Amino acid sequence: MQKTEVEYIKTCLSRLPKDMKFFTIHDAICVKESDGDIVKAVMEQVSMEMYGEKISVKIENSSQDNVK
């Protein structure tokens, strides 16, 4: 399972715009909020190509969770 996850995430990362800044946490790709839709589209496209299924991608803004 981990090998599949790594293959999928690496493929997604290779398809992101070269100037996009990101970091990963497990199976999450963390980007600026304004880049979220681009990442979602890439992840959905890669899942279709690799597995023949469109996955459900959740965009979450957790930056506000930690503001006090």
N, C-alpha and C. Protein backbone atom coordinates (compact mmCIF):
# COMPACT_ATOMS: atom_id res chain seq x y z
N MET A 1 0.82 -1.20 0.00
CA MET A 1 0.00 0.00 0.00
C MET A 1 0.87 1.27 0.00
N GLN A 2 1.91 1.27 0.81
CA GLN A 2 2.78 2.45 0.87
C GLN A 2 3.46 2.71 -0.47
N LYS A 3 3.85 1.64 -1.16
CA LYS A 3 4.50 1.80 -2.46
C LYS A 3 3.55 2.48 -3.45
N THR A 4 2.29 2.06 -3.43
CA THR A 4 1.28 2.65 -4.31
C THR A 4 1.07 4.13 -3.99
N GLU A 5 1.01 4.44 -2.70
CA GLU A 5 0.83 5.82 -2.27
C GLU A 5 2.00 6.69 -2.72
N VAL A 6 3.20 6.19 -2.54
CA VAL A 6 4.40 6.94 -2.93
C VAL A 6 4.42 7.16 -4.44
N GLU A 7 4.11 6.13 -5.20
CA GLU A 7 4.09 6.25 -6.66
C GLU A 7 3.07 7.30 -7.10
N TYR A 8 1.91 7.26 -6.49
CA TYR A 8 0.85 8.22 -6.83
C TYR A 8 1.28 9.65 -6.49
N ILE A 9 1.74 9.87 -5.28
CA ILE A 9 2.13 11.22 -4.86
C ILE A 9 3.29 11.75 -5.69
N LYS A 10 4.29 10.91 -5.95
CA LYS A 10 5.43 11.34 -6.77
C LYS A 10 4.98 11.73 -8.17
N THR A 11 4.06 10.98 -8.74
CA THR A 11 3.55 11.33 -10.06
C THR A 11 2.81 12.65 -10.02
N CYS A 12 1.98 12.85 -8.99
CA CYS A 12 1.27 14.13 -8.85
C CYS A 12 2.26 15.29 -8.74
N LEU A 13 3.27 15.13 -7.90
CA LEU A 13 4.25 16.20 -7.71
C LEU A 13 4.98 16.53 -9.01
N SER A 14 5.26 15.53 -9.81
CA SER A 14 5.97 15.77 -11.07
C SER A 14 5.12 16.54 -12.07
N ARG A 15 3.82 16.56 -11.86
CA ARG A 15 2.90 17.24 -12.79
C ARG A 15 2.55 18.66 -12.35
N LEU A 16 2.95 19.04 -11.15
CA LEU A 16 2.67 20.39 -10.69
C LEU A 16 3.54 21.39 -11.45
N PRO A 17 3.08 22.63 -11.57
CA PRO A 17 3.91 23.65 -12.21
C PRO A 17 5.28 23.74 -11.53
N LYS A 18 6.31 23.89 -12.32
CA LYS A 18 7.69 23.86 -11.80
C LYS A 18 7.95 24.95 -10.77
N ASP A 19 7.24 26.07 -10.84
CA ASP A 19 7.48 27.16 -9.90
C ASP A 19 6.56 27.11 -8.67
N MET A 20 5.71 26.09 -8.58
CA MET A 20 4.80 25.99 -7.44
C MET A 20 5.56 25.49 -6.21
N LYS A 21 5.37 26.18 -5.10
CA LYS A 21 5.99 25.76 -3.85
C LYS A 21 5.04 24.84 -3.11
N PHE A 22 5.57 23.75 -2.57
CA PHE A 22 4.75 22.78 -1.87
C PHE A 22 5.61 22.01 -0.88
N PHE A 23 4.96 21.31 0.03
CA PHE A 23 5.60 20.28 0.83
C PHE A 23 4.57 19.19 1.05
N THR A 24 5.03 18.04 1.45
CA THR A 24 4.12 16.91 1.62
C THR A 24 4.14 16.43 3.07
N ILE A 25 3.00 15.93 3.50
CA ILE A 25 2.86 15.25 4.78
C ILE A 25 2.07 13.98 4.47
N HIS A 26 2.75 12.86 4.52
CA HIS A 26 2.14 11.58 4.16
C HIS A 26 1.52 11.69 2.77
N ASP A 27 0.20 11.57 2.65
CA ASP A 27 -0.44 11.63 1.35
C ASP A 27 -1.06 12.99 1.05
N ALA A 28 -0.67 14.01 1.80
CA ALA A 28 -1.18 15.36 1.58
C ALA A 28 -0.13 16.20 0.86
N ILE A 29 -0.60 17.01 -0.07
CA ILE A 29 0.26 17.97 -0.75
C ILE A 29 -0.16 19.34 -0.23
N CYS A 30 0.73 20.01 0.45
CA CYS A 30 0.43 21.29 1.08
C CYS A 30 0.92 22.43 0.20
N VAL A 31 0.00 23.33 -0.15
CA VAL A 31 0.30 24.45 -1.04
C VAL A 31 -0.43 25.69 -0.53
N LYS A 32 -0.15 26.82 -1.17
CA LYS A 32 -0.90 28.03 -0.87
C LYS A 32 -2.36 27.79 -1.23
N GLU A 33 -3.24 28.42 -0.51
CA GLU A 33 -4.68 28.24 -0.75
C GLU A 33 -5.03 28.51 -2.21
N SER A 34 -4.39 29.50 -2.81
CA SER A 34 -4.70 29.85 -4.20
C SER A 34 -4.29 28.77 -5.20
N ASP A 35 -3.44 27.83 -4.79
CA ASP A 35 -3.00 26.73 -5.67
C ASP A 35 -3.80 25.44 -5.46
N GLY A 36 -4.73 25.46 -4.53
CA GLY A 36 -5.47 24.24 -4.18
C GLY A 36 -6.21 23.61 -5.35
N ASP A 37 -6.88 24.40 -6.16
CA ASP A 37 -7.65 23.84 -7.28
C ASP A 37 -6.74 23.21 -8.33
N ILE A 38 -5.55 23.77 -8.52
CA ILE A 38 -4.59 23.19 -9.47
C ILE A 38 -4.16 21.81 -8.98
N VAL A 39 -3.82 21.71 -7.71
CA VAL A 39 -3.38 20.43 -7.14
C VAL A 39 -4.51 19.41 -7.20
N LYS A 40 -5.72 19.84 -6.89
CA LYS A 40 -6.86 18.93 -6.94
C LYS A 40 -7.04 18.37 -8.35
N ALA A 41 -6.98 19.22 -9.36
CA ALA A 41 -7.14 18.76 -10.75
C ALA A 41 -6.05 17.77 -11.13
N VAL A 42 -4.81 18.06 -10.72
CA VAL A 42 -3.70 17.15 -11.02
C VAL A 42 -3.92 15.80 -10.35
N MET A 43 -4.30 15.82 -9.08
CA MET A 43 -4.51 14.57 -8.35
C MET A 43 -5.63 13.73 -8.97
N GLU A 44 -6.70 14.38 -9.38
CA GLU A 44 -7.80 13.66 -10.01
C GLU A 44 -7.38 13.07 -11.36
N GLN A 45 -6.64 13.84 -12.15
CA GLN A 45 -6.18 13.37 -13.46
C GLN A 45 -5.22 12.19 -13.31
N VAL A 46 -4.29 12.29 -12.39
CA VAL A 46 -3.33 11.20 -12.17
C VAL A 46 -4.04 9.93 -11.71
N SER A 47 -5.03 10.06 -10.85
CA SER A 47 -5.75 8.87 -10.40
C SER A 47 -6.49 8.20 -11.55
N MET A 48 -7.03 9.00 -12.47
CA MET A 48 -7.71 8.42 -13.64
C MET A 48 -6.70 7.68 -14.52
N GLU A 49 -5.54 8.28 -14.72
CA GLU A 49 -4.53 7.66 -15.57
C GLU A 49 -3.95 6.39 -14.94
N MET A 50 -3.68 6.43 -13.66
CA MET A 50 -3.01 5.31 -13.00
C MET A 50 -3.96 4.18 -12.63
N TYR A 51 -5.19 4.53 -12.22
CA TYR A 51 -6.08 3.53 -11.64
C TYR A 51 -7.44 3.43 -12.33
N GLY A 52 -7.68 4.31 -13.32
CA GLY A 52 -8.95 4.27 -14.02
C GLY A 52 -10.13 4.76 -13.21
N GLU A 53 -9.85 5.44 -12.10
CA GLU A 53 -10.90 5.96 -11.21
C GLU A 53 -10.56 7.38 -10.80
N LYS A 54 -11.59 8.21 -10.71
CA LYS A 54 -11.40 9.56 -10.20
C LYS A 54 -11.57 9.50 -8.69
N ILE A 55 -10.55 9.89 -7.96
CA ILE A 55 -10.62 9.86 -6.51
C ILE A 55 -11.31 11.12 -5.98
N SER A 56 -11.73 11.07 -4.76
CA SER A 56 -12.31 12.23 -4.09
C SER A 56 -11.17 12.96 -3.39
N VAL A 57 -10.92 14.19 -3.79
CA VAL A 57 -9.84 14.98 -3.22
C VAL A 57 -10.45 16.03 -2.30
N LYS A 58 -9.98 16.07 -1.09
CA LYS A 58 -10.48 17.03 -0.10
C LYS A 58 -9.49 18.19 0.01
N ILE A 59 -9.99 19.38 -0.20
CA ILE A 59 -9.17 20.58 0.01
C ILE A 59 -9.52 21.12 1.38
N GLU A 60 -8.50 21.27 2.19
CA GLU A 60 -8.73 21.70 3.56
C GLU A 60 -7.80 22.86 3.88
N ASN A 61 -8.34 23.90 4.44
CA ASN A 61 -7.54 25.03 4.88
C ASN A 61 -7.43 24.93 6.39
N SER A 62 -6.34 24.39 6.84
CA SER A 62 -6.16 24.22 8.29
C SER A 62 -5.37 25.37 8.91
N SER A 63 -4.97 26.34 8.10
CA SER A 63 -4.18 27.45 8.64
C SER A 63 -4.98 28.27 9.65
N GLN A 64 -6.28 28.33 9.50
CA GLN A 64 -7.11 29.09 10.43
C GLN A 64 -7.35 28.36 11.73
N ASP A 65 -7.15 27.02 11.72
CA ASP A 65 -7.38 26.23 12.92
C ASP A 65 -6.44 26.57 14.06
N ASN A 66 -5.25 27.04 13.70
CA ASN A 66 -4.23 27.28 14.71
C ASN A 66 -4.10 28.74 15.11
N VAL A 67 -4.92 29.61 14.55
CA VAL A 67 -4.85 31.03 14.86
C VAL A 67 -5.63 31.29 16.15
N LYS A 68 -5.00 32.01 17.08
CA LYS A 68 -5.66 32.32 18.35
C LYS A 68 -5.74 33.82 18.55
